């Protein structure tokens, strides 16, 4: 699911990518959670939502996803400023 999402994202099919990342995220895949958070943060294929971005990035970070940890920390820092 995550791989299909990545292919769709690279092809510029953002709504389709979100659909696949969401499926992977619901099955607990940390990469899918990370990319879903990025899509929400950038407003790609979904309405931009920093709240949703932080939610999914935090879930991925909690599973040890290193990139999610650093991006999550940036979102948290900017939200508190």
C-alpha atoms as a PDB file:
ATOM      1  CA  UNK A   1       0.000   0.000   0.000  1.00  0.00           C
ATOM      2  CA  UNK A   2       2.806   2.354   0.878  1.00  0.00           C
ATOM      3  CA  UNK A   3       4.654   1.570  -2.357  1.00  0.00           C
ATOM      4  CA  UNK A   4       1.540   2.245  -4.438  1.00  0.00           C
ATOM      5  CA  UNK A   5       1.136   5.532  -2.557  1.00  0.00           C
ATOM      6  CA  UNK A   6       4.729   6.478  -3.318  1.00  0.00           C
ATOM      7  CA  UNK A   7       4.299   5.690  -7.015  1.00  0.00           C
ATOM      8  CA  UNK A   8       1.117   7.766  -7.144  1.00  0.00           C
ATOM      9  CA  UNK A   9       2.824  10.627  -5.290  1.00  0.00           C
ATOM     10  CA  UNK A  10       5.776  10.606  -7.711  1.00  0.00           C
ATOM     11  CA  UNK A  11       3.328  10.632 -10.619  1.00  0.00           C
ATOM     12  CA  UNK A  12       1.606  13.705  -9.141  1.00  0.00           C
ATOM     13  CA  UNK A  13      -1.600  11.828  -8.338  1.00  0.00           C
ATOM     14  CA  UNK A  14      -1.805  13.230  -4.839  1.00  0.00           C
ATOM     15  CA  UNK A  15      -5.384  12.276  -4.000  1.00  0.00           C
ATOM     16  CA  UNK A  16      -4.708   8.697  -5.036  1.00  0.00           C
ATOM     17  CA  UNK A  17      -1.461   8.704  -3.026  1.00  0.00           C
ATOM     18  CA  UNK A  18      -3.320   9.883   0.075  1.00  0.00           C
ATOM     19  CA  UNK A  19      -5.826   7.066  -0.354  1.00  0.00           C
ATOM     20  CA  UNK A  20      -3.046   4.464  -0.347  1.00  0.00           C
ATOM     21  CA  UNK A  21      -1.037   6.096   2.447  1.00  0.00           C
ATOM     22  CA  UNK A  22      -4.199   6.196   4.558  1.00  0.00           C
ATOM     23  CA  UNK A  23      -4.756   2.464   4.009  1.00  0.00           C
ATOM     24  CA  UNK A  24      -1.173   1.699   4.996  1.00  0.00           C
ATOM     25  CA  UNK A  25      -1.335   4.007   8.004  1.00  0.00           C
ATOM     26  CA  UNK A  26      -4.494   2.303   9.262  1.00  0.00           C
ATOM     27  CA  UNK A  27      -2.592  -0.983   9.108  1.00  0.00           C
ATOM     28  CA  UNK A  28       0.178   0.501  11.257  1.00  0.00           C
ATOM     29  CA  UNK A  29       2.847   1.081   8.597  1.00  0.00           C
ATOM     30  CA  UNK A  30       5.145   3.873   9.891  1.00  0.00           C
ATOM     31  CA  UNK A  31       6.289   4.996   6.419  1.00  0.00           C
ATOM     32  CA  UNK A  32       2.661   5.384   5.332  1.00  0.00           C
ATOM     33  CA  UNK A  33       1.952   7.377   8.500  1.00  0.00           C
ATOM     34  CA  UNK A  34       4.950   9.594   7.770  1.00  0.00           C
ATOM     35  CA  UNK A  35       3.947  10.275   4.176  1.00  0.00           C
ATOM     36  CA  UNK A  36       0.319  10.847   5.148  1.00  0.00           C
ATOM     37  CA  UNK A  37       1.545  13.429   7.656  1.00  0.00           C
ATOM     38  CA  UNK A  38       3.630  15.107   4.957  1.00  0.00           C
ATOM     39  CA  UNK A  39       0.664  15.174   2.574  1.00  0.00           C
ATOM     40  CA  UNK A  40      -1.495  16.847   5.232  1.00  0.00           C
ATOM     41  CA  UNK A  41       1.263  19.270   6.140  1.00  0.00           C
ATOM     42  CA  UNK A  42       1.771  20.332   2.529  1.00  0.00           C
ATOM     43  CA  UNK A  43      -1.893  20.126   1.533  1.00  0.00           C
ATOM     44  CA  UNK A  44      -1.201  17.615  -1.245  1.00  0.00           C
ATOM     45  CA  UNK A  45      -4.304  15.638  -2.179  1.00  0.00           C
ATOM     46  CA  UNK A  46      -6.078  16.788   0.981  1.00  0.00           C
ATOM     47  CA  UNK A  47      -6.991  20.048   2.615  1.00  0.00           C
ATOM     48  CA  UNK A  48      -3.927  21.261   4.468  1.00  0.00           C
ATOM     49  CA  UNK A  49      -4.155  20.477   8.162  1.00  0.00           C
ATOM     50  CA  UNK A  50      -1.280  20.910  10.564  1.00  0.00           C
ATOM     51  CA  UNK A  51      -3.350  19.119  13.203  1.00  0.00           C
ATOM     52  CA  UNK A  52      -3.644  16.022  11.007  1.00  0.00           C
ATOM     53  CA  UNK A  53       0.009  16.320   9.972  1.00  0.00           C
ATOM     54  CA  UNK A  54       1.124  16.357  13.597  1.00  0.00           C
ATOM     55  CA  UNK A  55      -1.185  13.428  14.430  1.00  0.00           C
ATOM     56  CA  UNK A  56       0.255  11.156  11.742  1.00  0.00           C
ATOM     57  CA  UNK A  57       3.842  12.274  12.192  1.00  0.00           C
ATOM     58  CA  UNK A  58       3.576  11.608  15.926  1.00  0.00           C
ATOM     59  CA  UNK A  59       2.217   8.102  15.288  1.00  0.00           C
ATOM     60  CA  UNK A  60       5.111   7.347  12.933  1.00  0.00           C
ATOM     61  CA  UNK A  61       7.637   8.865  15.346  1.00  0.00           C
ATOM     62  CA  UNK A  62       6.232   6.757  18.181  1.00  0.00           C
ATOM     63  CA  UNK A  63       7.089   3.696  16.101  1.00  0.00           C
ATOM     64  CA  UNK A  64      10.691   4.847  15.721  1.00  0.00           C
ATOM     65  CA  UNK A  65      10.498   6.516  12.304  1.00  0.00           C
ATOM     66  CA  UNK A  66      13.499   8.860  12.426  1.00  0.00           C
ATOM     67  CA  UNK A  67      12.395  11.237   9.638  1.00  0.00           C
ATOM     68  CA  UNK A  68       8.984  11.545  11.276  1.00  0.00           C
ATOM     69  CA  UNK A  69      10.626  12.481  14.573  1.00  0.00           C
ATOM     70  CA  UNK A  70      12.540  15.400  13.071  1.00  0.00           C
ATOM     71  CA  UNK A  71       9.625  16.681  10.977  1.00  0.00           C
ATOM     72  CA  UNK A  72       7.243  16.283  13.926  1.00  0.00           C
ATOM     73  CA  UNK A  73       9.576  18.335  16.139  1.00  0.00           C
ATOM     74  CA  UNK A  74       9.625  21.142  13.535  1.00  0.00           C
ATOM     75  CA  UNK A  75       5.810  21.182  13.391  1.00  0.00           C
ATOM     76  CA  UNK A  76       5.539  21.208  17.176  1.00  0.00           C
ATOM     77  CA  UNK A  77       8.062  24.041  17.422  1.00  0.00           C
ATOM     78  CA  UNK A  78       6.283  26.170  14.821  1.00  0.00           C
ATOM     79  CA  UNK A  79       2.891  25.475  16.444  1.00  0.00           C
ATOM     80  CA  UNK A  80       4.153  26.768  19.790  1.00  0.00           C
ATOM     81  CA  UNK A  81       5.578  30.008  18.358  1.00  0.00           C
END
